[in-house]
């Protein structure tokens, strides 16, 4: 079975941060995700999706995100129900496994590019990411070649390949 959700959108309002009785941080916010088509009057509509994040990731979201911030979410869809005042309430939300902040720290709504800050957890719920780039800390990440870049662009002259180096 596969339960994966990948979203990119903007926060509808500031992150709501709370703590469970045992002290675990929980963040809730709504992500506005534009639809790929326009309605009959030519306006682009959006879906408003409830997002939930836990632990350090929740605290990072509350500290660095605000209304209008552009974020990428990777997570899983969760639905359920509960009873309140004799009425059955149904809910569906996305539990974030990874939140990527896609704008500079003070650039919500700006199109200046993307930041390298990512907060993520593995499936065991332990914190895995760390801050990088514009959001503090040293950028100790290795430099990788992008897929569309030529890895041999800086080589000097032809490359010698020995027949023994070939896997076939």
Protein backbone atom coordinates (compact mmCIF):
# COMPACT_ATOMS: atom_id res chain seq x y z
CA UNK A 1 0.00 0.00 0.00
CA UNK A 2 1.18 3.52 -0.77
CA UNK A 3 0.05 6.64 1.05
CA UNK A 4 2.12 9.63 -0.15
CA UNK A 5 1.12 13.23 -0.64
CA UNK A 6 3.32 15.92 -2.17
CA UNK A 7 2.05 19.51 -2.11
CA UNK A 8 3.37 22.99 -2.86
CA UNK A 9 1.36 25.96 -1.71
CA UNK A 10 1.11 29.01 0.53
CA UNK A 11 0.02 29.22 4.15
CA UNK A 12 -3.51 30.59 4.55
CA UNK A 13 -2.66 31.96 8.01
CA UNK A 14 0.09 31.71 10.63
CA UNK A 15 1.00 28.31 12.07
CA UNK A 16 -0.94 27.24 15.18
CA UNK A 17 1.59 25.66 17.58
CA UNK A 18 0.46 23.72 20.65
CA UNK A 19 1.87 21.06 22.94
CA UNK A 20 0.39 17.76 24.06
CA UNK A 21 0.12 17.10 27.82
CA UNK A 22 3.37 15.10 27.55
CA UNK A 23 5.16 18.10 25.97
CA UNK A 24 5.24 17.04 22.29
CA UNK A 25 4.99 19.98 19.87
CA UNK A 26 2.13 19.91 17.35
CA UNK A 27 1.69 22.43 14.53
CA UNK A 28 -1.43 22.84 12.44
CA UNK A 29 -1.87 25.07 9.43
CA UNK A 30 -3.82 25.29 6.20
CA UNK A 31 -2.07 25.21 2.84
CA UNK A 32 -3.66 26.91 -0.17
CA UNK A 33 -2.78 24.91 -3.29
CA UNK A 34 -3.72 26.38 -6.67
CA UNK A 35 -5.59 24.17 -9.08
CA UNK A 36 -4.02 23.69 -12.51
CA UNK A 37 -7.08 24.99 -14.37
CA UNK A 38 -9.31 28.06 -14.29
CA UNK A 39 -13.05 28.19 -13.72
CA UNK A 40 -15.62 29.46 -16.25
CA UNK A 41 -14.94 33.11 -15.35
CA UNK A 42 -11.19 32.63 -15.88
CA UNK A 43 -10.23 32.70 -12.20
CA UNK A 44 -7.83 30.17 -10.71
CA UNK A 45 -9.31 28.34 -7.74
CA UNK A 46 -7.43 26.80 -4.82
CA UNK A 47 -7.84 23.84 -2.51
CA UNK A 48 -7.32 24.46 1.21
CA UNK A 49 -5.61 21.47 2.80
CA UNK A 50 -5.11 20.97 6.54
CA UNK A 51 -1.52 20.09 7.46
CA UNK A 52 -0.23 18.67 10.73
CA UNK A 53 3.43 18.52 11.83
CA UNK A 54 4.98 17.13 15.00
CA UNK A 55 8.00 17.64 17.29
CA UNK A 56 10.94 19.82 16.16
CA UNK A 57 9.50 20.09 12.67
CA UNK A 58 6.38 21.67 14.21
CA UNK A 59 8.47 24.18 16.15
CA UNK A 60 10.53 25.05 13.04
CA UNK A 61 7.34 25.65 11.07
CA UNK A 62 5.97 27.95 13.78
CA UNK A 63 9.27 29.86 14.03
CA UNK A 64 10.00 30.33 10.33
CA UNK A 65 6.67 30.29 8.50
CA UNK A 66 3.93 32.89 8.41
CA UNK A 67 0.82 33.66 6.40
CA UNK A 68 1.69 33.60 2.68
CA UNK A 69 4.90 31.56 3.02
CA UNK A 70 5.57 29.18 0.13
CA UNK A 71 6.26 25.63 1.32
CA UNK A 72 6.61 22.13 -0.03
CA UNK A 73 5.05 19.29 1.97
CA UNK A 74 5.77 15.59 1.68
CA UNK A 75 3.61 13.44 3.91
CA UNK A 76 0.74 11.04 4.23
CA UNK A 77 -3.01 11.43 4.07
CA UNK A 78 -4.84 10.69 7.32
CA UNK A 79 -8.58 10.57 7.88
CA UNK A 80 -10.72 9.75 10.86
CA UNK A 81 -13.69 10.75 12.92
CA UNK A 82 -14.68 11.64 16.46
CA UNK A 83 -17.88 12.46 18.26
CA UNK A 84 -18.72 15.90 19.64
CA UNK A 85 -22.06 16.82 21.20
CA UNK A 86 -23.64 13.65 19.84
CA UNK A 87 -22.53 14.54 16.31
CA UNK A 88 -20.00 12.46 14.30
CA UNK A 89 -17.24 14.74 12.92
CA UNK A 90 -15.12 13.49 10.01
CA UNK A 91 -11.71 14.93 9.15
CA UNK A 92 -8.98 14.52 6.54
CA UNK A 93 -5.54 16.07 6.80
CA UNK A 94 -1.94 15.59 5.71
CA UNK A 95 0.63 14.58 8.33
CA UNK A 96 3.91 16.13 7.15
CA UNK A 97 6.99 13.92 7.03
CA UNK A 98 9.00 16.72 5.42
CA UNK A 99 8.49 20.47 5.15
CA UNK A 100 10.64 22.47 2.76
CA UNK A 101 10.71 26.23 3.10
CA UNK A 102 10.76 27.45 -0.49
CA UNK A 103 11.43 31.16 0.06
CA UNK A 104 14.05 33.24 1.83
CA UNK A 105 13.40 33.83 5.53
CA UNK A 106 11.93 37.32 5.09
CA UNK A 107 10.59 36.91 1.55
CA UNK A 108 7.07 35.49 1.83
CA UNK A 109 5.35 36.18 -1.44
CA UNK A 110 8.66 37.01 -3.12
CA UNK A 111 9.98 35.24 -6.19
CA UNK A 112 13.66 35.56 -5.35
CA UNK A 113 14.29 31.81 -5.61
CA UNK A 114 14.29 28.95 -3.20
CA UNK A 115 16.11 28.43 0.06
CA UNK A 116 17.90 25.30 1.12
CA UNK A 117 16.20 24.96 4.50
CA UNK A 118 14.48 21.64 5.07
CA UNK A 119 12.99 20.17 8.19
CA UNK A 120 12.17 16.50 7.96
CA UNK A 121 11.54 13.38 9.96
CA UNK A 122 11.98 9.75 9.06
CA UNK A 123 9.13 7.29 9.40
CA UNK A 124 10.12 6.57 12.99
CA UNK A 125 9.32 10.17 13.89
CA UNK A 126 12.90 11.12 14.84
CA UNK A 127 14.29 14.45 13.68
CA UNK A 128 16.57 13.98 10.70
CA UNK A 129 17.14 17.35 9.00
CA UNK A 130 19.12 20.36 10.08
CA UNK A 131 19.10 24.01 9.18
CA UNK A 132 21.21 25.16 6.29
CA UNK A 133 21.79 28.13 4.06
CA UNK A 134 20.00 31.38 4.78
CA UNK A 135 18.29 30.19 7.97
CA UNK A 136 21.36 30.04 10.15
CA UNK A 137 24.03 27.48 10.79
CA UNK A 138 26.92 26.62 8.53
CA UNK A 139 26.24 25.04 5.21
CA UNK A 140 28.25 21.85 5.73
CA UNK A 141 26.37 19.93 3.07
CA UNK A 142 28.45 18.40 0.26
CA UNK A 143 28.13 20.04 -3.12
CA UNK A 144 26.40 17.77 -5.60
CA UNK A 145 26.31 18.13 -9.36
CA UNK A 146 22.86 18.87 -10.70
CA UNK A 147 21.41 16.32 -13.09
CA UNK A 148 21.37 18.79 -15.98
CA UNK A 149 25.01 19.86 -15.50
CA UNK A 150 27.92 18.29 -17.35
CA UNK A 151 30.07 16.43 -14.75
CA UNK A 152 33.09 16.63 -17.08
CA UNK A 153 32.82 20.36 -17.88
CA UNK A 154 35.99 21.21 -15.91
CA UNK A 155 38.11 18.28 -17.10
CA UNK A 156 41.27 19.01 -19.07
CA UNK A 157 41.39 17.19 -22.40
CA UNK A 158 40.19 13.73 -23.34
CA UNK A 159 39.57 11.11 -20.68
CA UNK A 160 41.48 7.85 -20.81
CA UNK A 161 39.36 4.76 -20.03
CA UNK A 162 41.05 1.44 -19.44
CA UNK A 163 39.26 -1.65 -20.80
CA UNK A 164 39.51 -3.22 -17.29
CA UNK A 165 37.44 -0.34 -15.83
CA UNK A 166 34.39 -1.14 -17.97
CA UNK A 167 31.70 -3.32 -16.32
CA UNK A 168 30.93 -5.21 -19.55
